[in-house]
Amino acid sequence: MTNKEIKSALMQSGTVFTMPTKLNSRGETVEFKMFRFCEPFVGERPEDGMSVSVNKPFGESMNVEKIGTKTMSMFSFTMMGTRCVEKVRFEDITIVSVGDQ
């Protein structure tokens, strides 16, 4: 898939994908799912109100900060209030399914 196709797929709620993460240190494939928890207001970016979570009940999640032309930036906070940032290149993302199906 091209970067444009991957960005388009990631902008849809319900898209399932895999990406490199610290969660699969044992070599397991971890699936993630995009969620839209609110619609963006006028003037906001389309990715505002989106999050990425592990595709299983009660999985960890991160908020989407920006979906650019080549990367997706996400952030979360630890229990101590430290901001954690993750940046993933589109070439490292594998789309499993697009949108809610």
PDB file of N, CA and C in Angstrom:
ATOM      1  N   MET A   1       0.842  -1.188   0.000  1.00  0.00           N
ATOM      2  CA  MET A   1       0.000   0.000   0.000  1.00  0.00           C
ATOM      3  C   MET A   1       0.883   1.245   0.000  1.00  0.00           C
ATOM      4  N   THR A   2       0.395   2.289  -0.626  1.00  0.00           N
ATOM      5  CA  THR A   2       1.122   3.551  -0.630  1.00  0.00           C
ATOM      6  C   THR A   2       0.851   4.299   0.677  1.00  0.00           C
ATOM      7  N   ASN A   3       1.675   5.321   0.948  1.00  0.00           N
ATOM      8  CA  ASN A   3       1.476   6.134   2.146  1.00  0.00           C
ATOM      9  C   ASN A   3       0.112   6.795   2.163  1.00  0.00           C
ATOM     10  N   LYS A   4      -0.358   7.226   0.996  1.00  0.00           N
ATOM     11  CA  LYS A   4      -1.666   7.884   0.895  1.00  0.00           C
ATOM     12  C   LYS A   4      -2.789   6.905   1.235  1.00  0.00           C
ATOM     13  N   GLU A   5      -2.687   5.663   0.770  1.00  0.00           N
ATOM     14  CA  GLU A   5      -3.699   4.644   1.074  1.00  0.00           C
ATOM     15  C   GLU A   5      -3.683   4.267   2.554  1.00  0.00           C
ATOM     16  N   ILE A   6      -2.478   4.180   3.139  1.00  0.00           N
ATOM     17  CA  ILE A   6      -2.377   3.860   4.563  1.00  0.00           C
ATOM     18  C   ILE A   6      -2.973   4.990   5.399  1.00  0.00           C
ATOM     19  N   LYS A   7      -2.679   6.246   5.053  1.00  0.00           N
ATOM     20  CA  LYS A   7      -3.247   7.383   5.784  1.00  0.00           C
ATOM     21  C   LYS A   7      -4.756   7.386   5.681  1.00  0.00           C
ATOM     22  N   SER A   8      -5.282   7.128   4.500  1.00  0.00           N
ATOM     23  CA  SER A   8      -6.731   7.086   4.305  1.00  0.00           C
ATOM     24  C   SER A   8      -7.368   5.985   5.153  1.00  0.00           C
ATOM     25  N   ALA A   9      -6.733   4.819   5.226  1.00  0.00           N
ATOM     26  CA  ALA A   9      -7.255   3.715   6.033  1.00  0.00           C
ATOM     27  C   ALA A   9      -7.202   4.052   7.515  1.00  0.00           C
ATOM     28  N   LEU A  10      -6.116   4.683   7.970  1.00  0.00           N
ATOM     29  CA  LEU A  10      -5.981   5.019   9.386  1.00  0.00           C
ATOM     30  C   LEU A  10      -6.970   6.089   9.836  1.00  0.00           C
ATOM     31  N   MET A  11      -7.461   6.878   8.913  1.00  0.00           N
ATOM     32  CA  MET A  11      -8.429   7.918   9.257  1.00  0.00           C
ATOM     33  C   MET A  11      -9.829   7.349   9.497  1.00  0.00           C
ATOM     34  N   GLN A  12     -10.036   6.066   9.224  1.00  0.00           N
ATOM     35  CA  GLN A  12     -11.347   5.440   9.404  1.00  0.00           C
ATOM     36  C   GLN A  12     -11.386   4.684  10.726  1.00  0.00           C
ATOM     37  N   SER A  13     -12.407   4.959  11.507  1.00  0.00           N
ATOM     38  CA  SER A  13     -12.578   4.251  12.772  1.00  0.00           C
ATOM     39  C   SER A  13     -12.816   2.771  12.508  1.00  0.00           C
ATOM     40  N   GLY A  14     -12.183   1.917  13.283  1.00  0.00           N
ATOM     41  CA  GLY A  14     -12.353   0.478  13.129  1.00  0.00           C
ATOM     42  C   GLY A  14     -11.273  -0.197  12.314  1.00  0.00           C
ATOM     43  N   THR A  15     -10.344   0.564  11.746  1.00  0.00           N
ATOM     44  CA  THR A  15      -9.257  -0.035  10.974  1.00  0.00           C
ATOM     45  C   THR A  15      -8.334  -0.830  11.897  1.00  0.00           C
ATOM     46  N   VAL A  16      -8.044  -2.073  11.523  1.00  0.00           N
ATOM     47  CA  VAL A  16      -7.153  -2.936  12.300  1.00  0.00           C
ATOM     48  C   VAL A  16      -5.822  -3.016  11.560  1.00  0.00           C
ATOM     49  N   PHE A  17      -4.715  -2.878  12.316  1.00  0.00           N
ATOM     50  CA  PHE A  17      -3.390  -2.893  11.701  1.00  0.00           C
ATOM     51  C   PHE A  17      -2.360  -3.401  12.692  1.00  0.00           C
ATOM     52  N   THR A  18      -1.181  -3.723  12.178  1.00  0.00           N
ATOM     53  CA  THR A  18      -0.042  -4.098  13.021  1.00  0.00           C
ATOM     54  C   THR A  18       1.056  -3.065  12.812  1.00  0.00           C
ATOM     55  N   MET A  19       1.870  -2.880  13.852  1.00  0.00           N
ATOM     56  CA  MET A  19       3.006  -1.968  13.773  1.00  0.00           C
ATOM     57  C   MET A  19       4.034  -2.400  14.805  1.00  0.00           C
ATOM     58  N   PRO A  20       5.303  -2.025  14.607  1.00  0.00           N
ATOM     59  CA  PRO A  20       6.317  -2.385  15.593  1.00  0.00           C
ATOM     60  C   PRO A  20       6.029  -1.671  16.906  1.00  0.00           C
ATOM     61  N   THR A  21       6.178  -2.375  18.009  1.00  0.00           N
ATOM     62  CA  THR A  21       5.918  -1.799  19.321  1.00  0.00           C
ATOM     63  C   THR A  21       6.712  -2.533  20.385  1.00  0.00           C
ATOM     64  N   LYS A  22       6.852  -1.922  21.524  1.00  0.00           N
ATOM     65  CA  LYS A  22       7.544  -2.557  22.644  1.00  0.00           C
ATOM     66  C   LYS A  22       6.690  -3.674  23.246  1.00  0.00           C
ATOM     67  N   LEU A  23       5.409  -3.731  22.897  1.00  0.00           N
ATOM     68  CA  LEU A  23       4.511  -4.746  23.446  1.00  0.00           C
ATOM     69  C   LEU A  23       4.788  -6.135  22.890  1.00  0.00           C
ATOM     70  N   ASN A  24       5.410  -6.225  21.711  1.00  0.00           N
ATOM     71  CA  ASN A  24       5.659  -7.541  21.110  1.00  0.00           C
ATOM     72  C   ASN A  24       7.127  -7.935  21.208  1.00  0.00           C
ATOM     73  N   SER A  25       7.713  -7.766  22.385  1.00  0.00           N
ATOM     74  CA  SER A  25       9.127  -8.098  22.579  1.00  0.00           C
ATOM     75  C   SER A  25       9.391  -9.595  22.428  1.00  0.00           C
ATOM     76  N   ARG A  26       8.337 -10.415  22.566  1.00  0.00           N
ATOM     77  CA  ARG A  26       8.497 -11.864  22.407  1.00  0.00           C
ATOM     78  C   ARG A  26       8.310 -12.305  20.961  1.00  0.00           C
ATOM     79  N   GLY A  27       8.226 -11.365  20.053  1.00  0.00           N
ATOM     80  CA  GLY A  27       8.070 -11.711  18.651  1.00  0.00           C
ATOM     81  C   GLY A  27       6.627 -11.952  18.239  1.00  0.00           C
ATOM     82  N   GLU A  28       5.681 -11.699  19.130  1.00  0.00           N
ATOM     83  CA  GLU A  28       4.262 -11.901  18.813  1.00  0.00           C
ATOM     84  C   GLU A  28       3.770 -10.754  17.935  1.00  0.00           C
ATOM     85  N   THR A  29       2.780 -11.049  17.122  1.00  0.00           N
ATOM     86  CA  THR A  29       2.149 -10.001  16.332  1.00  0.00           C
ATOM     87  C   THR A  29       1.023  -9.401  17.157  1.00  0.00           C
ATOM     88  N   VAL A  30       1.081  -8.095  17.352  1.00  0.00           N
ATOM     89  CA  VAL A  30       0.060  -7.393  18.122  1.00  0.00           C
ATOM     90  C   VAL A  30      -0.771  -6.569  17.156  1.00  0.00           C
ATOM     91  N   GLU A  31      -2.100  -6.744  17.195  1.00  0.00           N
ATOM     92  CA  GLU A  31      -2.989  -5.962  16.341  1.00  0.00           C
ATOM     93  C   GLU A  31      -3.504  -4.750  17.112  1.00  0.00           C
ATOM     94  N   PHE A  32      -3.626  -3.652  16.395  1.00  0.00           N
ATOM     95  CA  PHE A  32      -4.144  -2.410  16.957  1.00  0.00           C
ATOM     96  C   PHE A  32      -5.391  -2.002  16.190  1.00  0.00           C
ATOM     97  N   LYS A  33      -6.213  -1.170  16.815  1.00  0.00           N
ATOM     98  CA  LYS A  33      -7.448  -0.725  16.184  1.00  0.00           C
ATOM     99  C   LYS A  33      -7.601   0.779  16.380  1.00  0.00           C
ATOM    100  N   MET A  34      -8.030   1.465  15.324  1.00  0.00           N
ATOM    101  CA  MET A  34      -8.283   2.906  15.388  1.00  0.00           C
ATOM    102  C   MET A  34      -9.689   3.142  15.920  1.00  0.00           C
ATOM    103  N   PHE A  35      -9.832   4.130  16.786  1.00  0.00           N
ATOM    104  CA  PHE A  35     -11.140   4.522  17.307  1.00  0.00           C
ATOM    105  C   PHE A  35     -11.317   6.022  17.155  1.00  0.00           C
ATOM    106  N   ARG A  36     -12.520   6.437  16.812  1.00  0.00           N
ATOM    107  CA  ARG A  36     -12.870   7.862  16.813  1.00  0.00           C
ATOM    108  C   ARG A  36     -13.847   8.051  17.966  1.00  0.00           C
ATOM    109  N   PHE A  37     -13.398   8.789  19.003  1.00  0.00           N
ATOM    110  CA  PHE A  37     -14.258   8.961  20.164  1.00  0.00           C
ATOM    111  C   PHE A  37     -15.045  10.256  20.144  1.00  0.00           C
ATOM    112  N   CYS A  38     -14.763  11.147  19.193  1.00  0.00           N
ATOM    113  CA  CYS A  38     -15.606  12.328  18.994  1.00  0.00           C
ATOM    114  C   CYS A  38     -15.324  12.894  17.605  1.00  0.00           C
ATOM    115  N   GLU A  39     -16.266  13.611  17.084  1.00  0.00           N
ATOM    116  CA  GLU A  39     -16.104  14.225  15.772  1.00  0.00           C
ATOM    117  C   GLU A  39     -15.340  15.541  15.925  1.00  0.00           C
ATOM    118  N   PRO A  40     -14.429  15.841  15.000  1.00  0.00           N
ATOM    119  CA  PRO A  40     -13.682  17.099  15.108  1.00  0.00           C
ATOM    120  C   PRO A  40     -14.588  18.304  14.874  1.00  0.00           C
ATOM    121  N   PHE A  41     -14.302  19.390  15.585  1.00  0.00           N
ATOM    122  CA  PHE A  41     -15.027  20.635  15.411  1.00  0.00           C
ATOM    123  C   PHE A  41     -14.498  21.361  14.186  1.00  0.00           C
ATOM    124  N   VAL A  42     -15.212  22.384  13.756  1.00  0.00           N
ATOM    125  CA  VAL A  42     -14.778  23.183  12.612  1.00  0.00           C
ATOM    126  C   VAL A  42     -13.415  23.799  12.941  1.00  0.00           C
ATOM    127  N   GLY A  43     -12.469  23.653  12.047  1.00  0.00           N
ATOM    128  CA  GLY A  43     -11.138  24.207  12.241  1.00  0.00           C
ATOM    129  C   GLY A  43     -10.154  23.238  12.869  1.00  0.00           C
ATOM    130  N   GLU A  44     -10.623  22.115  13.382  1.00  0.00           N
ATOM    131  CA  GLU A  44      -9.720  21.121  13.944  1.00  0.00           C
ATOM    132  C   GLU A  44      -9.231  20.183  12.853  1.00  0.00           C
ATOM    133  N   ARG A  45      -8.115  19.497  13.134  1.00  0.00           N
ATOM    134  CA  ARG A  45      -7.590  18.518  12.190  1.00  0.00           C
ATOM    135  C   ARG A  45      -8.497  17.288  12.178  1.00  0.00           C
ATOM    136  N   PRO A  46      -8.583  16.576  11.059  1.00  0.00           N
ATOM    137  CA  PRO A  46      -9.440  15.378  10.979  1.00  0.00           C
ATOM    138  C   PRO A  46      -9.056  14.286  11.962  1.00  0.00           C
ATOM    139  N   GLU A  47      -7.759  14.201  12.345  1.00  0.00           N
ATOM    140  CA  GLU A  47      -7.340  13.143  13.259  1.00  0.00           C
ATOM    141  C   GLU A  47      -7.621  13.479  14.725  1.00  0.00           C
ATOM    142  N   ASP A  48      -8.065  14.700  15.025  1.00  0.00           N
ATOM    143  CA  ASP A  48      -8.421  15.038  16.405  1.00  0.00           C
ATOM    144  C   ASP A  48      -9.609  14.172  16.831  1.00  0.00           C
ATOM    145  N   GLY A  49      -9.541  13.649  18.036  1.00  0.00           N
ATOM    146  CA  GLY A  49     -10.615  12.783  18.537  1.00  0.00           C
ATOM    147  C   GLY A  49     -10.422  11.324  18.170  1.00  0.00           C
ATOM    148  N   MET A  50      -9.181  10.933  17.825  1.00  0.00           N
ATOM    149  CA  MET A  50      -8.916   9.538  17.478  1.00  0.00           C
ATOM    150  C   MET A  50      -7.914   8.935  18.451  1.00  0.00           C
ATOM    151  N   SER A  51      -8.006   7.624  18.639  1.00  0.00           N
ATOM    152  CA  SER A  51      -7.041   6.913  19.475  1.00  0.00           C
ATOM    153  C   SER A  51      -6.716   5.567  18.848  1.00  0.00           C
ATOM    154  N   VAL A  52      -5.605   5.002  19.293  1.00  0.00           N
ATOM    155  CA  VAL A  52      -5.143   3.690  18.858  1.00  0.00           C
ATOM    156  C   VAL A  52      -5.097   2.814  20.094  1.00  0.00           C
ATOM    157  N   SER A  53      -5.693   1.618  20.019  1.00  0.00           N
ATOM    158  CA  SER A  53      -5.606   0.715  21.166  1.00  0.00           C
ATOM    159  C   SER A  53      -5.322  -0.703  20.691  1.00  0.00           C
ATOM    160  N   VAL A  54      -4.795  -1.502  21.615  1.00  0.00           N
ATOM    161  CA  VAL A  54      -4.541  -2.904  21.316  1.00  0.00           C
ATOM    162  C   VAL A  54      -5.896  -3.547  21.039  1.00  0.00           C
ATOM    163  N   ASN A  55      -5.986  -4.351  19.997  1.00  0.00           N
ATOM    164  CA  ASN A  55      -7.258  -4.913  19.547  1.00  0.00           C
ATOM    165  C   ASN A  55      -7.671  -6.121  20.402  1.00  0.00           C
ATOM    166  N   LYS A  56      -7.949  -5.864  21.673  1.00  0.00           N
ATOM    167  CA  LYS A  56      -8.468  -6.877  22.581  1.00  0.00           C
ATOM    168  C   LYS A  56      -9.143  -6.142  23.735  1.00  0.00           C
ATOM    169  N   PRO A  57      -9.996  -6.815  24.488  1.00  0.00           N
ATOM    170  CA  PRO A  57     -10.668  -6.130  25.595  1.00  0.00           C
ATOM    171  C   PRO A  57      -9.654  -5.560  26.594  1.00  0.00           C
ATOM    172  N   PHE A  58      -9.874  -4.354  27.012  1.00  0.00           N
ATOM    173  CA  PHE A  58      -9.057  -3.670  28.010  1.00  0.00           C
ATOM    174  C   PHE A  58      -7.600  -3.526  27.598  1.00  0.00           C
ATOM    175  N   GLY A  59      -7.367  -3.276  26.309  1.00  0.00           N
ATOM    176  CA  GLY A  59      -6.007  -3.084  25.822  1.00  0.00           C
ATOM    177  C   GLY A  59      -5.518  -1.670  26.087  1.00  0.00           C
ATOM    178  N   GLU A  60      -4.203  -1.506  26.104  1.00  0.00           N
ATOM    179  CA  GLU A  60      -3.634  -0.176  26.280  1.00  0.00           C
ATOM    180  C   GLU A  60      -3.976   0.677  25.067  1.00  0.00           C
ATOM    181  N   SER A  61      -4.018   1.997  25.276  1.00  0.00           N
ATOM    182  CA  SER A  61      -4.326   2.871  24.153  1.00  0.00           C
ATOM    183  C   SER A  61      -3.499   4.143  24.224  1.00  0.00           C
ATOM    184  N   MET A  62      -3.399   4.802  23.075  1.00  0.00           N
ATOM    185  CA  MET A  62      -2.717   6.085  22.968  1.00  0.00           C
ATOM    186  C   MET A  62      -3.583   7.001  22.121  1.00  0.00           C
ATOM    187  N   ASN A  63      -3.535   8.302  22.416  1.00  0.00           N
ATOM    188  CA  ASN A  63      -4.254   9.297  21.628  1.00  0.00           C
ATOM    189  C   ASN A  63      -3.445   9.637  20.386  1.00  0.00           C
ATOM    190  N   VAL A  64      -4.132   9.886  19.285  1.00  0.00           N
ATOM    191  CA  VAL A  64      -3.461  10.278  18.048  1.00  0.00           C
ATOM    192  C   VAL A  64      -3.239  11.779  18.087  1.00  0.00           C
ATOM    193  N   GLU A  65      -1.981  12.177  17.965  1.00  0.00           N
ATOM    194  CA  GLU A  65      -1.664  13.603  17.948  1.00  0.00           C
ATOM    195  C   GLU A  65      -1.730  14.150  16.528  1.00  0.00           C
ATOM    196  N   LYS A  66      -1.133  13.408  15.593  1.00  0.00           N
ATOM    197  CA  LYS A  66      -1.102  13.869  14.202  1.00  0.00           C
ATOM    198  C   LYS A  66      -0.898  12.688  13.281  1.00  0.00           C
ATOM    199  N   ILE A  67      -1.597  12.707  12.155  1.00  0.00           N
ATOM    200  CA  ILE A  67      -1.350  11.752  11.082  1.00  0.00           C
ATOM    201  C   ILE A  67      -0.840  12.571   9.908  1.00  0.00           C
ATOM    202  N   GLY A  68       0.458  12.464   9.658  1.00  0.00           N
ATOM    203  CA  GLY A  68       1.085  13.242   8.597  1.00  0.00           C
ATOM    204  C   GLY A  68       1.062  12.505   7.273  1.00  0.00           C
ATOM    205  N   THR A  69       1.976  12.877   6.398  1.00  0.00           N
ATOM    206  CA  THR A  69       2.038  12.239   5.078  1.00  0.00           C
ATOM    207  C   THR A  69       2.876  10.964   5.098  1.00  0.00           C
ATOM    208  N   LYS A  70       3.770  10.819   6.120  1.00  0.00           N
ATOM    209  CA  LYS A  70       4.629   9.642   6.195  1.00  0.00           C
ATOM    210  C   LYS A  70       4.645   8.985   7.567  1.00  0.00           C
ATOM    211  N   THR A  71       4.123   9.672   8.593  1.00  0.00           N
ATOM    212  CA  THR A  71       4.172   9.147   9.960  1.00  0.00           C
ATOM    213  C   THR A  71       2.876   9.420  10.715  1.00  0.00           C
ATOM    214  N   MET A  72       2.697   8.683  11.809  1.00  0.00           N
ATOM    215  CA  MET A  72       1.591   8.911  12.738  1.00  0.00           C
ATOM    216  C   MET A  72       2.217   9.121  14.116  1.00  0.00           C
ATOM    217  N   SER A  73       1.864  10.216  14.777  1.00  0.00           N
ATOM    218  CA  SER A  73       2.365  10.525  16.115  1.00  0.00           C
ATOM    219  C   SER A  73       1.260  10.282  17.127  1.00  0.00           C
ATOM    220  N   MET A  74       1.616   9.600  18.232  1.00  0.00           N
ATOM    221  CA  MET A  74       0.648   9.291  19.287  1.00  0.00           C
ATOM    222  C   MET A  74       1.252   9.674  20.631  1.00  0.00           C
ATOM    223  N   PHE A  75       0.370   9.882  21.636  1.00  0.00           N
ATOM    224  CA  PHE A  75       0.858  10.188  22.968  1.00  0.00           C
ATOM    225  C   PHE A  75      -0.058   9.584  24.020  1.00  0.00           C
ATOM    226  N   SER A  76       0.495   9.425  25.203  1.00  0.00           N
ATOM    227  CA  SER A  76      -0.256   8.928  26.357  1.00  0.00           C
ATOM    228  C   SER A  76       0.444   9.462  27.597  1.00  0.00           C
ATOM    229  N   PHE A  77      -0.145   9.235  28.748  1.00  0.00           N
ATOM    230  CA  PHE A  77       0.457   9.649  30.003  1.00  0.00           C
ATOM    231  C   PHE A  77       0.573   8.452  30.931  1.00  0.00           C
ATOM    232  N   THR A  78       1.683   8.368  31.667  1.00  0.00           N
ATOM    233  CA  THR A  78       1.853   7.303  32.650  1.00  0.00           C
ATOM    234  C   THR A  78       1.061   7.669  33.902  1.00  0.00           C
ATOM    235  N   MET A  79       1.023   6.748  34.851  1.00  0.00           N
ATOM    236  CA  MET A  79       0.318   7.009  36.103  1.00  0.00           C
ATOM    237  C   MET A  79       0.961   8.146  36.882  1.00  0.00           C
ATOM    238  N   MET A  80       2.211   8.424  36.616  1.00  0.00           N
ATOM    239  CA  MET A  80       2.915   9.512  37.297  1.00  0.00           C
ATOM    240  C   MET A  80       2.796  10.833  36.546  1.00  0.00           C
ATOM    241  N   GLY A  81       2.050  10.847  35.446  1.00  0.00           N
ATOM    242  CA  GLY A  81       1.824  12.078  34.696  1.00  0.00           C
ATOM    243  C   GLY A  81       2.883  12.399  33.661  1.00  0.00           C
ATOM    244  N   THR A  82       3.776  11.458  33.384  1.00  0.00           N
ATOM    245  CA  THR A  82       4.809  11.668  32.371  1.00  0.00           C
ATOM    246  C   THR A  82       4.225  11.396  30.992  1.00  0.00           C
ATOM    247  N   ARG A  83       4.442  12.327  30.088  1.00  0.00           N
ATOM    248  CA  ARG A  83       3.938  12.168  28.721  1.00  0.00           C
ATOM    249  C   ARG A  83       4.849  11.223  27.933  1.00  0.00           C
ATOM    250  N   CYS A  84       4.259  10.211  27.305  1.00  0.00           N
ATOM    251  CA  CYS A  84       4.981   9.252  26.460  1.00  0.00           C
ATOM    252  C   CYS A  84       4.565   9.505  25.015  1.00  0.00           C
ATOM    253  N   VAL A  85       5.544   9.613  24.137  1.00  0.00           N
ATOM    254  CA  VAL A  85       5.275   9.911  22.733  1.00  0.00           C
ATOM    255  C   VAL A  85       5.804   8.766  21.883  1.00  0.00           C
ATOM    256  N   GLU A  86       5.037   8.392  20.868  1.00  0.00           N
ATOM    257  CA  GLU A  86       5.424   7.335  19.930  1.00  0.00           C
ATOM    258  C   GLU A  86       5.193   7.862  18.513  1.00  0.00           C
ATOM    259  N   LYS A  87       6.169   7.653  17.637  1.00  0.00           N
ATOM    260  CA  LYS A  87       6.044   8.073  16.241  1.00  0.00           C
ATOM    261  C   LYS A  87       6.315   6.852  15.375  1.00  0.00           C
ATOM    262  N   VAL A  88       5.385   6.520  14.486  1.00  0.00           N
ATOM    263  CA  VAL A  88       5.498   5.328  13.654  1.00  0.00           C
ATOM    264  C   VAL A  88       5.434   5.731  12.181  1.00  0.00           C
ATOM    265  N   ARG A  89       6.357   5.183  11.387  1.00  0.00           N
ATOM    266  CA  ARG A  89       6.344   5.449   9.941  1.00  0.00           C
ATOM    267  C   ARG A  89       5.307   4.557   9.270  1.00  0.00           C
ATOM    268  N   PHE A  90       4.676   5.060   8.235  1.00  0.00           N
ATOM    269  CA  PHE A  90       3.669   4.292   7.501  1.00  0.00           C
ATOM    270  C   PHE A  90       4.260   3.030   6.890  1.00  0.00           C
ATOM    271  N   GLU A  91       5.523   3.061   6.498  1.00  0.00           N
ATOM    272  CA  GLU A  91       6.136   1.876   5.873  1.00  0.00           C
ATOM    273  C   GLU A  91       6.258   0.722   6.865  1.00  0.00           C
ATOM    274  N   ASP A  92       6.170   1.011   8.178  1.00  0.00           N
ATOM    275  CA  ASP A  92       6.233  -0.037   9.202  1.00  0.00           C
ATOM    276  C   ASP A  92       4.850  -0.561   9.597  1.00  0.00           C
ATOM    277  N   ILE A  93       3.793   0.040   9.048  1.00  0.00           N
ATOM    278  CA  ILE A  93       2.415  -0.346   9.379  1.00  0.00           C
ATOM    279  C   ILE A  93       1.888  -1.309   8.326  1.00  0.00           C
ATOM    280  N   THR A  94       1.238  -2.380   8.790  1.00  0.00           N
ATOM    281  CA  THR A  94       0.577  -3.336   7.900  1.00  0.00           C
ATOM    282  C   THR A  94      -0.917  -3.297   8.195  1.00  0.00           C
ATOM    283  N   ILE A  95      -1.728  -2.908   7.210  1.00  0.00           N
ATOM    284  CA  ILE A  95      -3.180  -2.836   7.383  1.00  0.00           C
ATOM    285  C   ILE A  95      -3.761  -4.246   7.292  1.00  0.00           C
ATOM    286  N   VAL A  96      -4.547  -4.653   8.307  1.00  0.00           N
ATOM    287  CA  VAL A  96      -5.199  -5.959   8.308  1.00  0.00           C
ATOM    288  C   VAL A  96      -6.600  -5.841   7.730  1.00  0.00           C
ATOM    289  N   SER A  97      -7.371  -4.856   8.208  1.00  0.00           N
ATOM    290  CA  SER A  97      -8.710  -4.604   7.654  1.00  0.00           C
ATOM    291  C   SER A  97      -9.013  -3.121   7.797  1.00  0.00           C
ATOM    292  N   VAL A  98      -9.827  -2.585   6.878  1.00  0.00           N
ATOM    293  CA  VAL A  98     -10.125  -1.159   6.851  1.00  0.00           C
ATOM    294  C   VAL A  98     -11.527  -0.890   7.343  1.00  0.00           C
ATOM    295  N   GLY A  99     -11.658   0.012   8.306  1.00  0.00           N
ATOM    296  CA  GLY A  99     -12.961   0.465   8.805  1.00  0.00           C
ATOM    297  C   GLY A  99     -13.727  -0.607   9.535  1.00  0.00           C
ATOM    298  N   ASP A 100     -14.888  -0.226  10.083  1.00  0.00           N
ATOM    299  CA  ASP A 100     -15.765  -1.165  10.776  1.00  0.00           C
ATOM    300  C   ASP A 100     -16.397  -2.113   9.775  1.00  0.00           C
ATOM    301  N   GLN A 101     -16.181  -3.394   9.989  1.00  0.00           N
ATOM    302  CA  GLN A 101     -16.730  -4.386   9.051  1.00  0.00           C
ATOM    303  C   GLN A 101     -17.521  -5.435   9.786  1.00  0.00           C
TER     304      GLN A 101
END
